[in-house]
Amino acid sequence: MKVLLIEDSEALRRGIRVGLDHLGYTVDETGDGSEGLSMALTNQYDFIILDLMLPNVDGISLLKSIRKLGNQAKVIILSAKSQAEDRVNGLLSGADDYLCKPFSFDELQARLITLGRRGGLNQHVKSICIADFVLDTSNKSLHANGHNIDLTKNEFKIVEYLFNNPKQILNPEQISEAVVGSFNHLSKNTIEAHLSSVRKKAKAVGATLPIKNKRGFGYFVGEH
C-alpha cells in the first residue's frame, strides 16, 4: 500500500513515517501544501494522510482539488480542529475519515485498516498523470487545469495508449492496432487528425498536449 503523508510538523511527520514504514507501507511525505498537491496529482496513492494547516495550499483546498480531478485515494484528515463543524466540513469536502490531534499511532493504524476494508483503493482506479493532464481509465475521461476534455472514443484510446507508454516512440501501426485491433486500420493521417483535435480541445482549457511527433518514426509523450 502506498501512502502520501502531508503534514507540516516535521516531528509528527517523522513519527508517522517510521510507524508506517515498520508496518510495510510505502510512504512519500511533504510538509508543504503546494508540493503535496503536485505529488497527489502525479502519483498514485492508496491513502493520503492530510493535515489542514499547511503552507501555500491549505488542506481543504488541496482535498477539493484532487477530488475534482477524480483522485479516489482514501483520505484521512489530521487536525487539531476538533469542533463538529470542522469535522463535517472535512468530510463533506471529500475526506473519508477525520482524526483529531493529539492521537495515538495505533488509532491511525486502525483507521487505515478500516478504510482498506471498504475497498475502492487506487489500485482499482487507475489515473495517469502527465504534465497538466489527468487521464482516468475507469470512466474514460481526460482532465486538464480542472476542466474535463470531451474526447471521442478513438481520441481517448490514442491518448491512453501513448500516456501508458511515456517516452516510447510508437509508430502509426502500433497505435492503430492498440486502438482498433488487428483487423481494422487507422491511417497515419487519421491518427494525426485525432491528435490535432485533442490538441485544440486541450488548448481551449489552457493546456498543451504533451504528445509529440518524431517525423518518420511516430509519436511519443515527454522528452526523447
Protein backbone atom coordinates (compact mmCIF):
# COMPACT_ATOMS: atom_id res chain seq x y z
CA MET A 1 0.00 0.00 0.00
CA LYS A 2 1.30 3.44 -0.91
CA VAL A 3 0.71 6.45 1.35
CA LEU A 4 1.17 10.18 0.79
CA LEU A 5 1.76 11.94 4.12
CA ILE A 6 1.19 15.72 4.04
CA GLU A 7 1.92 17.20 7.48
CA ASP A 8 3.74 20.43 8.28
CA SER A 9 5.06 19.28 11.68
CA GLU A 10 8.39 17.64 10.94
CA ALA A 11 8.43 15.75 14.24
CA LEU A 12 4.91 14.34 13.76
CA ARG A 13 5.61 13.56 10.12
CA ARG A 14 8.76 11.67 11.03
CA GLY A 15 6.97 9.69 13.77
CA ILE A 16 4.13 8.66 11.46
CA ARG A 17 6.53 7.71 8.69
CA VAL A 18 8.61 5.48 10.97
CA GLY A 19 5.46 3.71 12.15
CA LEU A 20 4.11 3.23 8.63
CA ASP A 21 7.49 2.03 7.35
CA HIS A 22 7.52 -0.57 10.12
CA LEU A 23 4.08 -1.78 9.04
CA GLY A 24 5.23 -2.21 5.44
CA TYR A 25 3.61 0.83 3.84
CA THR A 26 5.46 2.75 1.12
CA VAL A 27 5.45 6.40 2.20
CA ASP A 28 6.05 9.67 0.36
CA GLU A 29 5.99 12.78 2.54
CA THR A 30 5.99 16.57 2.45
CA GLY A 31 5.23 19.45 4.77
CA ASP A 32 4.08 21.82 2.02
CA GLY A 33 0.55 22.02 0.62
CA SER A 34 1.56 23.01 -2.89
CA GLU A 35 4.09 20.20 -3.15
CA GLY A 36 1.57 17.79 -1.66
CA LEU A 37 -1.00 18.72 -4.30
CA SER A 38 1.55 18.15 -7.06
CA MET A 39 2.54 14.77 -5.61
CA ALA A 40 -1.09 13.69 -5.27
CA LEU A 41 -1.78 14.52 -8.92
CA THR A 42 1.36 12.97 -10.40
CA ASN A 43 1.48 9.71 -8.43
CA GLN A 44 -0.97 7.00 -7.43
CA TYR A 45 -1.65 6.51 -3.72
CA ASP A 46 -3.93 4.21 -1.78
CA PHE A 47 -4.08 6.60 1.18
CA ILE A 48 -3.43 10.30 1.73
CA ILE A 49 -2.89 11.44 5.32
CA LEU A 50 -3.61 15.15 5.26
CA ASP A 51 -3.03 17.97 7.72
CA LEU A 52 -5.29 21.00 7.31
CA MET A 53 -2.97 23.83 8.34
CA LEU A 54 -0.38 23.75 5.57
CA PRO A 55 1.81 26.40 3.94
CA ASN A 56 0.96 27.61 0.41
CA VAL A 57 -2.13 25.43 -0.10
CA ASP A 58 -4.38 24.53 2.84
CA GLY A 59 -5.63 21.00 3.35
CA ILE A 60 -9.27 21.62 2.42
CA SER A 61 -8.35 23.36 -0.84
CA LEU A 62 -5.94 20.54 -1.67
CA LEU A 63 -8.60 17.93 -0.95
CA LYS A 64 -11.23 19.65 -3.09
CA SER A 65 -8.76 19.97 -5.96
CA ILE A 66 -7.82 16.29 -6.08
CA ARG A 67 -11.43 15.15 -5.76
CA LYS A 68 -12.47 17.47 -8.59
CA LEU A 69 -9.89 15.76 -10.78
CA GLY A 70 -11.15 12.29 -9.92
CA ASN A 71 -8.49 11.20 -7.42
CA GLN A 72 -10.09 8.46 -5.31
CA ALA A 73 -7.36 7.75 -2.77
CA LYS A 74 -8.67 7.25 0.76
CA VAL A 75 -8.04 10.49 2.66
CA ILE A 76 -7.62 10.78 6.42
CA ILE A 77 -7.53 14.33 7.76
CA LEU A 78 -5.31 15.03 10.77
CA SER A 79 -6.24 18.23 12.57
CA ALA A 80 -6.23 19.99 15.91
CA LYS A 81 -9.59 21.45 14.86
CA SER A 82 -11.96 19.22 16.79
CA GLN A 83 -15.26 21.10 16.54
CA ALA A 84 -18.15 19.26 14.91
CA GLU A 85 -18.40 21.86 12.13
CA ASP A 86 -14.71 21.34 11.26
CA ARG A 87 -15.14 17.57 11.06
CA VAL A 88 -18.29 17.91 8.97
CA ASN A 89 -16.58 20.36 6.60
CA GLY A 90 -13.64 17.99 6.15
CA LEU A 91 -15.85 15.01 5.39
CA LEU A 92 -18.10 16.95 3.02
CA SER A 93 -15.03 18.25 1.20
CA GLY A 94 -14.10 14.68 0.29
CA ALA A 95 -12.28 13.14 3.26
CA ASP A 96 -13.00 9.52 4.20
CA ASP A 97 -12.07 9.97 7.86
CA TYR A 98 -11.14 12.73 10.31
CA LEU A 99 -8.69 12.15 13.15
CA CYS A 100 -8.31 14.84 15.80
CA LYS A 101 -4.91 15.71 17.24
CA PRO A 102 -3.46 14.53 19.53
CA PHE A 103 -3.95 10.88 18.59
CA SER A 104 -2.16 7.58 19.08
CA PHE A 105 -0.42 5.84 16.20
CA ASP A 106 -2.46 2.72 16.99
CA GLU A 107 -5.63 4.69 16.26
CA LEU A 108 -4.24 5.92 12.94
CA GLN A 109 -3.29 2.35 12.05
CA ALA A 110 -6.81 1.16 12.89
CA ARG A 111 -8.33 3.87 10.68
CA LEU A 112 -6.12 2.81 7.76
CA ILE A 113 -7.10 -0.83 8.20
CA THR A 114 -10.80 0.07 8.37
CA LEU A 115 -10.64 2.23 5.25
CA GLY A 116 -8.75 -0.51 3.42
CA ARG A 117 -11.57 -2.94 4.15
CA ARG A 118 -14.06 -0.66 2.43
CA GLY A 119 -12.37 -1.24 -0.92
CA GLY A 120 -12.18 1.23 -3.75
CA LEU A 121 -8.48 1.87 -3.30
CA ASN A 122 -6.46 3.42 -6.07
CA GLN A 123 -5.16 0.12 -7.38
CA HIS A 124 -8.68 -0.39 -8.73
CA VAL A 125 -8.96 3.12 -10.18
CA LYS A 126 -6.12 3.93 -12.49
CA SER A 127 -5.27 7.54 -13.13
CA ILE A 128 -2.35 8.53 -15.32
CA CYS A 129 -0.95 11.97 -14.51
CA ILE A 130 1.34 13.65 -17.05
CA ALA A 131 2.10 17.38 -17.05
CA ASP A 132 -1.22 19.24 -16.57
CA PHE A 133 -3.27 16.19 -17.54
CA VAL A 134 -5.06 13.51 -15.52
CA LEU A 135 -6.36 10.58 -17.57
CA ASP A 136 -8.84 8.41 -15.67
CA THR A 137 -9.15 4.98 -17.28
CA SER A 138 -12.06 3.97 -15.04
CA ASN A 139 -14.51 6.48 -16.51
CA LYS A 140 -12.65 7.16 -19.78
CA SER A 141 -12.09 10.84 -19.08
CA LEU A 142 -9.28 13.34 -19.56
CA HIS A 143 -8.87 16.41 -17.34
CA ALA A 144 -6.55 19.40 -17.51
CA ASN A 145 -6.39 22.51 -15.33
CA GLY A 146 -9.56 21.43 -13.54
CA HIS A 147 -11.55 21.02 -16.77
CA ASN A 148 -12.93 17.89 -18.39
CA ILE A 149 -11.83 17.49 -22.01
CA ASP A 150 -14.54 15.77 -24.02
CA LEU A 151 -12.94 13.15 -26.28
CA THR A 152 -14.31 10.74 -28.85
CA LYS A 153 -13.77 7.03 -28.27
CA ASN A 154 -10.78 6.79 -30.61
CA GLU A 155 -9.27 10.06 -29.37
CA PHE A 156 -9.33 8.70 -25.83
CA LYS A 157 -7.82 5.36 -26.87
CA ILE A 158 -4.94 7.05 -28.70
CA VAL A 159 -4.14 9.33 -25.76
CA GLU A 160 -4.48 6.44 -23.30
CA TYR A 161 -2.08 4.24 -25.29
CA LEU A 162 0.53 6.98 -25.56
CA PHE A 163 0.18 8.03 -21.89
CA ASN A 164 0.61 4.38 -20.87
CA ASN A 165 3.91 4.25 -22.75
CA PRO A 166 5.69 7.54 -21.92
CA LYS A 167 8.96 8.36 -23.70
CA GLN A 168 8.50 5.45 -26.14
CA ILE A 169 8.22 6.27 -29.83
CA LEU A 170 5.14 4.46 -31.12
CA ASN A 171 4.62 4.19 -34.86
CA PRO A 172 1.20 4.57 -36.53
CA GLU A 173 0.86 0.79 -36.99
CA GLN A 174 1.30 0.19 -33.24
CA ILE A 175 -1.17 2.92 -32.38
CA SER A 176 -3.70 1.63 -34.90
CA GLU A 177 -3.55 -1.92 -33.53
CA ALA A 178 -3.94 -0.67 -29.94
CA VAL A 179 -6.95 1.45 -30.86
CA VAL A 180 -8.95 -0.60 -33.40
CA GLY A 181 -7.28 -4.04 -33.33
CA SER A 182 -5.52 -6.17 -35.92
CA PHE A 183 -8.45 -6.50 -38.31
CA ASN A 184 -9.02 -2.78 -38.78
CA HIS A 185 -6.73 0.10 -39.58
CA LEU A 186 -6.25 3.76 -38.76
CA SER A 187 -4.11 5.61 -41.27
CA LYS A 188 -1.34 7.95 -40.22
CA ASN A 189 -3.43 10.89 -41.40
CA THR A 190 -6.41 9.73 -39.33
CA ILE A 191 -4.25 9.41 -36.21
CA GLU A 192 -2.82 12.87 -36.78
CA ALA A 193 -6.34 14.26 -37.27
CA HIS A 194 -7.44 12.74 -33.95
CA LEU A 195 -4.42 14.17 -32.13
CA SER A 196 -4.89 17.56 -33.75
CA SER A 197 -8.45 17.57 -32.43
CA VAL A 198 -7.27 16.68 -28.92
CA ARG A 199 -4.63 19.43 -29.04
CA LYS A 200 -7.29 22.01 -29.92
CA LYS A 201 -9.54 20.83 -27.10
CA ALA A 202 -6.64 20.96 -24.64
CA LYS A 203 -5.63 24.43 -25.81
CA ALA A 204 -9.18 25.62 -25.16
CA VAL A 205 -8.66 24.96 -21.43
CA GLY A 206 -5.16 26.45 -21.38
CA ALA A 207 -3.19 23.20 -21.61
CA THR A 208 -0.63 21.89 -24.09
CA LEU A 209 -0.92 18.22 -25.01
CA PRO A 210 2.48 16.57 -24.26
CA ILE A 211 2.31 14.25 -27.29
CA LYS A 212 4.94 14.95 -29.92
CA ASN A 213 5.65 13.63 -33.40
CA LYS A 214 9.11 12.47 -34.46
CA ARG A 215 8.90 12.72 -38.22
CA GLY A 216 9.35 9.37 -39.94
CA PHE A 217 9.16 7.40 -36.69
CA GLY A 218 5.98 8.04 -34.73
CA TYR A 219 4.55 9.68 -31.62
CA PHE A 220 5.76 9.91 -28.04
CA VAL A 221 4.95 11.56 -24.72
CA GLY A 222 7.51 13.77 -22.97
CA GLU A 223 11.15 14.10 -23.93
CA HIS A 224 13.01 11.72 -26.20
